[in-house]
C-alpha atoms as a PDB file:
ATOM      1  CA  UNK A   1    -112.870  -8.070 -32.289  1.00  0.00           C
ATOM      2  CA  UNK A   2    -112.671  -5.571 -35.130  1.00  0.00           C
ATOM      3  CA  UNK A   3    -109.088  -4.342 -35.343  1.00  0.00           C
ATOM      4  CA  UNK A   4    -110.414  -0.864 -36.019  1.00  0.00           C
ATOM      5  CA  UNK A   5    -112.499  -0.790 -32.822  1.00  0.00           C
ATOM      6  CA  UNK A   6    -111.259   1.915 -30.467  1.00  0.00           C
ATOM      7  CA  UNK A   7    -109.853   0.549 -27.229  1.00  0.00           C
ATOM      8  CA  UNK A   8    -110.719   2.769 -24.224  1.00  0.00           C
ATOM      9  CA  UNK A   9    -107.673   4.674 -23.034  1.00  0.00           C
ATOM     10  CA  UNK A  10    -105.473   3.443 -25.876  1.00  0.00           C
ATOM     11  CA  UNK A  11    -105.231   6.832 -27.570  1.00  0.00           C
ATOM     12  CA  UNK A  12    -104.260   8.484 -24.304  1.00  0.00           C
ATOM     13  CA  UNK A  13    -101.631   5.809 -23.595  1.00  0.00           C
ATOM     14  CA  UNK A  14    -100.259   6.127 -27.127  1.00  0.00           C
ATOM     15  CA  UNK A  15    -100.084   9.900 -26.754  1.00  0.00           C
ATOM     16  CA  UNK A  16     -98.197   9.566 -23.454  1.00  0.00           C
ATOM     17  CA  UNK A  17     -95.808   7.041 -24.996  1.00  0.00           C
ATOM     18  CA  UNK A  18     -95.185   9.365 -27.930  1.00  0.00           C
ATOM     19  CA  UNK A  19     -94.462  12.223 -25.552  1.00  0.00           C
ATOM     20  CA  UNK A  20     -91.971  10.104 -23.592  1.00  0.00           C
ATOM     21  CA  UNK A  21     -90.230   8.972 -26.789  1.00  0.00           C
ATOM     22  CA  UNK A  22     -90.099  12.538 -28.056  1.00  0.00           C
ATOM     23  CA  UNK A  23     -88.455  13.748 -24.843  1.00  0.00           C
ATOM     24  CA  UNK A  24     -85.983  10.857 -24.992  1.00  0.00           C
ATOM     25  CA  UNK A  25     -85.047  11.661 -28.585  1.00  0.00           C
ATOM     26  CA  UNK A  26     -84.922  15.461 -28.502  1.00  0.00           C
ATOM     27  CA  UNK A  27     -84.148  15.994 -24.825  1.00  0.00           C
ATOM     28  CA  UNK A  28     -86.469  17.578 -22.279  1.00  0.00           C
ATOM     29  CA  UNK A  29     -86.054  21.274 -21.548  1.00  0.00           C
ATOM     30  CA  UNK A  30     -87.040  20.777 -17.905  1.00  0.00           C
ATOM     31  CA  UNK A  31     -88.269  23.416 -15.480  1.00  0.00           C
ATOM     32  CA  UNK A  32     -86.699  26.295 -13.557  1.00  0.00           C
ATOM     33  CA  UNK A  33     -87.971  28.928 -11.107  1.00  0.00           C
ATOM     34  CA  UNK A  34     -86.461  32.414 -10.766  1.00  0.00           C
ATOM     35  CA  UNK A  35     -86.918  34.451  -7.582  1.00  0.00           C
ATOM     36  CA  UNK A  36     -86.619  38.198  -7.154  1.00  0.00           C
ATOM     37  CA  UNK A  37     -84.900  37.992  -3.749  1.00  0.00           C
ATOM     38  CA  UNK A  38     -82.299  35.812  -2.117  1.00  0.00           C
ATOM     39  CA  UNK A  39     -83.206  32.520  -0.439  1.00  0.00           C
ATOM     40  CA  UNK A  40     -86.115  31.878  -2.827  1.00  0.00           C
ATOM     41  CA  UNK A  41     -88.238  34.809  -1.693  1.00  0.00           C
ATOM     42  CA  UNK A  42     -90.204  37.552  -3.394  1.00  0.00           C
ATOM     43  CA  UNK A  43     -91.833  37.402  -6.808  1.00  0.00           C
ATOM     44  CA  UNK A  44     -91.224  34.192  -8.727  1.00  0.00           C
ATOM     45  CA  UNK A  45     -91.272  33.106 -12.347  1.00  0.00           C
ATOM     46  CA  UNK A  46     -91.686  29.470 -13.451  1.00  0.00           C
ATOM     47  CA  UNK A  47     -90.277  28.596 -16.860  1.00  0.00           C
ATOM     48  CA  UNK A  48     -90.413  25.411 -18.921  1.00  0.00           C
ATOM     49  CA  UNK A  49     -89.188  26.959 -22.189  1.00  0.00           C
ATOM     50  CA  UNK A  50     -86.990  29.833 -23.348  1.00  0.00           C
ATOM     51  CA  UNK A  51     -87.817  33.447 -22.564  1.00  0.00           C
ATOM     52  CA  UNK A  52     -86.206  36.168 -24.699  1.00  0.00           C
ATOM     53  CA  UNK A  53     -87.312  38.989 -22.356  1.00  0.00           C
ATOM     54  CA  UNK A  54     -88.191  38.465 -18.704  1.00  0.00           C
ATOM     55  CA  UNK A  55     -89.963  41.829 -18.748  1.00  0.00           C
ATOM     56  CA  UNK A  56     -92.568  40.264 -21.063  1.00  0.00           C
ATOM     57  CA  UNK A  57     -93.489  37.947 -18.171  1.00  0.00           C
ATOM     58  CA  UNK A  58     -94.019  40.866 -15.770  1.00  0.00           C
ATOM     59  CA  UNK A  59     -90.921  39.778 -13.881  1.00  0.00           C
ATOM     60  CA  UNK A  60     -88.281  42.336 -12.872  1.00  0.00           C
ATOM     61  CA  UNK A  61     -84.927  42.000 -14.617  1.00  0.00           C
ATOM     62  CA  UNK A  62     -83.316  41.212 -11.293  1.00  0.00           C
ATOM     63  CA  UNK A  63     -82.947  37.675 -10.039  1.00  0.00           C
ATOM     64  CA  UNK A  64     -81.312  36.788  -6.736  1.00  0.00           C
ATOM     65  CA  UNK A  65     -82.008  33.063  -6.411  1.00  0.00           C
ATOM     66  CA  UNK A  66     -82.901  30.123  -8.635  1.00  0.00           C
ATOM     67  CA  UNK A  67     -84.278  26.603  -8.222  1.00  0.00           C
ATOM     68  CA  UNK A  68     -83.786  24.076 -11.038  1.00  0.00           C
ATOM     69  CA  UNK A  69     -86.428  21.363 -10.935  1.00  0.00           C
ATOM     70  CA  UNK A  70     -85.054  19.533 -13.976  1.00  0.00           C
ATOM     71  CA  UNK A  71     -82.786  20.046 -16.966  1.00  0.00           C
ATOM     72  CA  UNK A  72     -80.161  22.789 -17.246  1.00  0.00           C
ATOM     73  CA  UNK A  73     -80.594  26.494 -17.993  1.00  0.00           C
ATOM     74  CA  UNK A  74     -78.643  29.570 -19.047  1.00  0.00           C
ATOM     75  CA  UNK A  75     -79.424  33.047 -17.789  1.00  0.00           C
ATOM     76  CA  UNK A  76     -78.210  36.031 -19.837  1.00  0.00           C
ATOM     77  CA  UNK A  77     -77.338  39.547 -18.779  1.00  0.00           C
ATOM     78  CA  UNK A  78     -79.233  41.044 -21.737  1.00  0.00           C
ATOM     79  CA  UNK A  79     -82.402  40.138 -23.601  1.00  0.00           C
ATOM     80  CA  UNK A  80     -82.370  37.858 -26.669  1.00  0.00           C
ATOM     81  CA  UNK A  81     -79.650  35.667 -25.100  1.00  0.00           C
ATOM     82  CA  UNK A  82     -76.843  38.231 -25.218  1.00  0.00           C
ATOM     83  CA  UNK A  83     -74.179  39.319 -22.757  1.00  0.00           C
ATOM     84  CA  UNK A  84     -72.689  37.394 -19.865  1.00  0.00           C
ATOM     85  CA  UNK A  85     -73.931  33.855 -19.389  1.00  0.00           C
ATOM     86  CA  UNK A  86     -74.869  32.166 -16.111  1.00  0.00           C
ATOM     87  CA  UNK A  87     -75.197  28.399 -15.693  1.00  0.00           C
ATOM     88  CA  UNK A  88     -77.980  26.810 -13.634  1.00  0.00           C
ATOM     89  CA  UNK A  89     -78.040  23.024 -13.670  1.00  0.00           C
ATOM     90  CA  UNK A  90     -78.609  20.146 -11.242  1.00  0.00           C
ATOM     91  CA  UNK A  91     -75.292  20.611  -9.421  1.00  0.00           C
ATOM     92  CA  UNK A  92     -75.872  20.975  -5.659  1.00  0.00           C
ATOM     93  CA  UNK A  93     -79.483  19.787  -6.103  1.00  0.00           C
ATOM     94  CA  UNK A  94     -80.150  22.682  -8.459  1.00  0.00           C
ATOM     95  CA  UNK A  95     -80.453  25.233  -5.643  1.00  0.00           C
ATOM     96  CA  UNK A  96     -78.847  28.671  -5.947  1.00  0.00           C
ATOM     97  CA  UNK A  97     -79.844  30.829  -2.992  1.00  0.00           C
ATOM     98  CA  UNK A  98     -77.936  33.942  -4.165  1.00  0.00           C
ATOM     99  CA  UNK A  99     -76.345  35.191  -7.369  1.00  0.00           C
ATOM    100  CA  UNK A 100     -72.847  34.566  -5.976  1.00  0.00           C
ATOM    101  CA  UNK A 101     -73.579  30.880  -6.509  1.00  0.00           C
ATOM    102  CA  UNK A 102     -73.636  31.328 -10.297  1.00  0.00           C
ATOM    103  CA  UNK A 103     -70.503  33.537 -10.405  1.00  0.00           C
ATOM    104  CA  UNK A 104     -72.411  36.768 -11.047  1.00  0.00           C
ATOM    105  CA  UNK A 105     -71.459  40.224  -9.792  1.00  0.00           C
ATOM    106  CA  UNK A 106     -74.962  41.663 -10.083  1.00  0.00           C
ATOM    107  CA  UNK A 107     -78.511  40.324  -9.963  1.00  0.00           C
ATOM    108  CA  UNK A 108     -79.393  41.474 -13.500  1.00  0.00           C
ATOM    109  CA  UNK A 109     -80.945  38.765 -15.718  1.00  0.00           C
ATOM    110  CA  UNK A 110     -82.902  39.617 -18.872  1.00  0.00           C
ATOM    111  CA  UNK A 111     -83.361  36.351 -20.783  1.00  0.00           C
ATOM    112  CA  UNK A 112     -83.276  32.614 -20.083  1.00  0.00           C
ATOM    113  CA  UNK A 113     -83.122  29.474 -22.207  1.00  0.00           C
ATOM    114  CA  UNK A 114     -82.754  25.722 -21.634  1.00  0.00           C
ATOM    115  CA  UNK A 115     -79.522  23.951 -22.536  1.00  0.00           C
ATOM    116  CA  UNK A 116     -79.946  21.450 -25.356  1.00  0.00           C
ATOM    117  CA  UNK A 117     -79.640  18.023 -23.807  1.00  0.00           C
ATOM    118  CA  UNK A 118     -77.529  15.399 -25.549  1.00  0.00           C
ATOM    119  CA  UNK A 119     -77.748  11.887 -24.133  1.00  0.00           C
ATOM    120  CA  UNK A 120     -74.375  10.691 -25.438  1.00  0.00           C
ATOM    121  CA  UNK A 121     -71.524  10.308 -22.911  1.00  0.00           C
ATOM    122  CA  UNK A 122     -69.833  13.640 -22.204  1.00  0.00           C
ATOM    123  CA  UNK A 123     -66.840  14.105 -24.511  1.00  0.00           C
ATOM    124  CA  UNK A 124     -65.019  17.099 -25.965  1.00  0.00           C
ATOM    125  CA  UNK A 125     -61.859  17.829 -27.963  1.00  0.00           C
ATOM    126  CA  UNK A 126     -59.873  20.968 -27.105  1.00  0.00           C
ATOM    127  CA  UNK A 127     -57.488  22.652 -29.533  1.00  0.00           C
ATOM    128  CA  UNK A 128     -54.768  25.155 -28.781  1.00  0.00           C
ATOM    129  CA  UNK A 129     -55.373  27.143 -31.965  1.00  0.00           C
ATOM    130  CA  UNK A 130     -58.410  28.272 -33.929  1.00  0.00           C
ATOM    131  CA  UNK A 131     -59.534  26.073 -36.793  1.00  0.00           C
ATOM    132  CA  UNK A 132     -58.929  22.894 -34.768  1.00  0.00           C
ATOM    133  CA  UNK A 133     -55.145  23.013 -35.024  1.00  0.00           C
ATOM    134  CA  UNK A 134     -52.207  22.945 -32.641  1.00  0.00           C
ATOM    135  CA  UNK A 135     -52.057  20.899 -29.463  1.00  0.00           C
ATOM    136  CA  UNK A 136     -55.124  18.677 -29.052  1.00  0.00           C
ATOM    137  CA  UNK A 137     -56.650  17.204 -25.878  1.00  0.00           C
ATOM    138  CA  UNK A 138     -59.686  14.988 -25.448  1.00  0.00           C
ATOM    139  CA  UNK A 139     -61.645  15.140 -22.189  1.00  0.00           C
ATOM    140  CA  UNK A 140     -64.506  13.159 -20.705  1.00  0.00           C
ATOM    141  CA  UNK A 141     -64.564  14.435 -17.131  1.00  0.00           C
ATOM    142  CA  UNK A 142     -64.399  17.687 -15.183  1.00  0.00           C
ATOM    143  CA  UNK A 143     -61.135  19.664 -15.108  1.00  0.00           C
ATOM    144  CA  UNK A 144     -60.882  22.000 -12.082  1.00  0.00           C
ATOM    145  CA  UNK A 145     -57.525  23.396 -13.215  1.00  0.00           C
ATOM    146  CA  UNK A 146     -56.441  23.328 -16.864  1.00  0.00           C
ATOM    147  CA  UNK A 147     -52.898  24.472 -16.101  1.00  0.00           C
ATOM    148  CA  UNK A 148     -52.334  21.738 -13.517  1.00  0.00           C
ATOM    149  CA  UNK A 149     -53.773  19.016 -15.731  1.00  0.00           C
ATOM    150  CA  UNK A 150     -52.431  19.989 -19.146  1.00  0.00           C
ATOM    151  CA  UNK A 151     -49.930  22.824 -18.522  1.00  0.00           C
ATOM    152  CA  UNK A 152     -52.165  24.927 -20.723  1.00  0.00           C
ATOM    153  CA  UNK A 153     -54.712  27.658 -20.095  1.00  0.00           C
ATOM    154  CA  UNK A 154     -55.403  28.726 -23.677  1.00  0.00           C
ATOM    155  CA  UNK A 155     -58.004  26.945 -25.802  1.00  0.00           C
ATOM    156  CA  UNK A 156     -59.016  28.513 -29.119  1.00  0.00           C
ATOM    157  CA  UNK A 157     -61.321  25.831 -30.588  1.00  0.00           C
ATOM    158  CA  UNK A 158     -63.518  23.095 -29.148  1.00  0.00           C
ATOM    159  CA  UNK A 159     -65.468  20.185 -30.581  1.00  0.00           C
ATOM    160  CA  UNK A 160     -68.266  18.998 -28.288  1.00  0.00           C
ATOM    161  CA  UNK A 161     -68.874  15.369 -29.251  1.00  0.00           C
ATOM    162  CA  UNK A 162     -71.214  14.440 -26.403  1.00  0.00           C
ATOM    163  CA  UNK A 163     -73.139  16.033 -23.567  1.00  0.00           C
ATOM    164  CA  UNK A 164     -72.819  19.764 -22.849  1.00  0.00           C
ATOM    165  CA  UNK A 165     -69.994  21.634 -21.108  1.00  0.00           C
ATOM    166  CA  UNK A 166     -69.257  24.825 -19.197  1.00  0.00           C
ATOM    167  CA  UNK A 167     -65.976  26.646 -19.892  1.00  0.00           C
ATOM    168  CA  UNK A 168     -64.729  28.940 -17.091  1.00  0.00           C
ATOM    169  CA  UNK A 169     -62.005  31.557 -17.468  1.00  0.00           C
ATOM    170  CA  UNK A 170     -60.689  30.917 -13.956  1.00  0.00           C
ATOM    171  CA  UNK A 171     -59.679  27.682 -12.171  1.00  0.00           C
ATOM    172  CA  UNK A 172     -62.096  25.880  -9.851  1.00  0.00           C
ATOM    173  CA  UNK A 173     -65.175  26.855 -11.884  1.00  0.00           C
ATOM    174  CA  UNK A 174     -65.048  30.561 -11.202  1.00  0.00           C
ATOM    175  CA  UNK A 175     -65.306  33.748 -13.228  1.00  0.00           C
ATOM    176  CA  UNK A 176     -66.978  34.419 -16.585  1.00  0.00           C
ATOM    177  CA  UNK A 177     -68.199  31.206 -18.179  1.00  0.00           C
ATOM    178  CA  UNK A 178     -69.763  29.939 -21.365  1.00  0.00           C
ATOM    179  CA  UNK A 179     -72.091  27.050 -22.154  1.00  0.00           C
ATOM    180  CA  UNK A 180     -71.054  24.745 -24.995  1.00  0.00           C
ATOM    181  CA  UNK A 181     -73.624  22.415 -26.546  1.00  0.00           C
ATOM    182  CA  UNK A 182     -72.965  19.607 -29.022  1.00  0.00           C
ATOM    183  CA  UNK A 183     -71.336  21.199 -32.092  1.00  0.00           C
ATOM    184  CA  UNK A 184     -68.042  22.594 -33.386  1.00  0.00           C
ATOM    185  CA  UNK A 185     -66.655  25.889 -32.075  1.00  0.00           C
ATOM    186  CA  UNK A 186     -64.045  27.029 -34.576  1.00  0.00           C
ATOM    187  CA  UNK A 187     -62.920  29.982 -32.471  1.00  0.00           C
ATOM    188  CA  UNK A 188     -63.379  31.218 -28.903  1.00  0.00           C
ATOM    189  CA  UNK A 189     -65.679  33.951 -30.238  1.00  0.00           C
ATOM    190  CA  UNK A 190     -68.085  31.173 -31.285  1.00  0.00           C
ATOM    191  CA  UNK A 191     -68.839  30.478 -27.607  1.00  0.00           C
ATOM    192  CA  UNK A 192     -69.071  34.195 -26.764  1.00  0.00           C
ATOM    193  CA  UNK A 193     -65.641  34.830 -25.273  1.00  0.00           C
ATOM    194  CA  UNK A 194     -63.286  37.679 -26.148  1.00  0.00           C
ATOM    195  CA  UNK A 195     -60.160  35.599 -25.551  1.00  0.00           C
ATOM    196  CA  UNK A 196     -58.967  31.996 -25.404  1.00  0.00           C
ATOM    197  CA  UNK A 197     -58.343  31.841 -21.639  1.00  0.00           C
ATOM    198  CA  UNK A 198     -59.739  28.647 -20.101  1.00  0.00           C
ATOM    199  CA  UNK A 199     -59.037  27.998 -16.420  1.00  0.00           C
ATOM    200  CA  UNK A 200     -61.436  25.098 -15.816  1.00  0.00           C
ATOM    201  CA  UNK A 201     -64.152  23.117 -17.531  1.00  0.00           C
ATOM    202  CA  UNK A 202     -66.950  20.846 -16.367  1.00  0.00           C
ATOM    203  CA  UNK A 203     -69.853  18.783 -17.652  1.00  0.00           C
ATOM    204  CA  UNK A 204     -73.395  20.161 -17.455  1.00  0.00           C
ATOM    205  CA  UNK A 205     -75.541  18.197 -14.976  1.00  0.00           C
ATOM    206  CA  UNK A 206     -79.009  17.552 -16.373  1.00  0.00           C
ATOM    207  CA  UNK A 207     -80.069  15.294 -13.486  1.00  0.00           C
END
């Protein structure tokens, strides 16, 4: 057989394999559905990539429930990924039947993006002071109460060495929160906060 002869279906199989390898290497963004009303009712918007303005998709900037099919996502109060952040991942099967479930006080969402998936084991270093100085802690699991665990509720710099994390200002994963992907955060302003208060912290669930 001529080695250059095309084998039926080989190109398609190779393409599929390449797609699988690409997702494994770069991480898959996944899929999420936003609903206008509570309990997954009303107008809906399916997303498989970032959206800088929900209004461009003819979807109202009000979202009352969310279903995550795969991956993890961040909703933002304002367009172009600005303002308060809201985490939607595969915790609790990825079902959020009302905005209370993602610690929001209103149903206003203007932009959405996927969280960058890192396949390394979840690991982060926390520093008491900006510039990665002062008291240092390394974590690999969820911390429902920073004060109880470390007698500390101030973190000014974070190095995310694996996975992705959510930092909450209140204990037990409540209050304003911020999504940290794999990189260095020299100061709390780097993750969007106005102060160094950290009440709890957990790993992002991609599956």
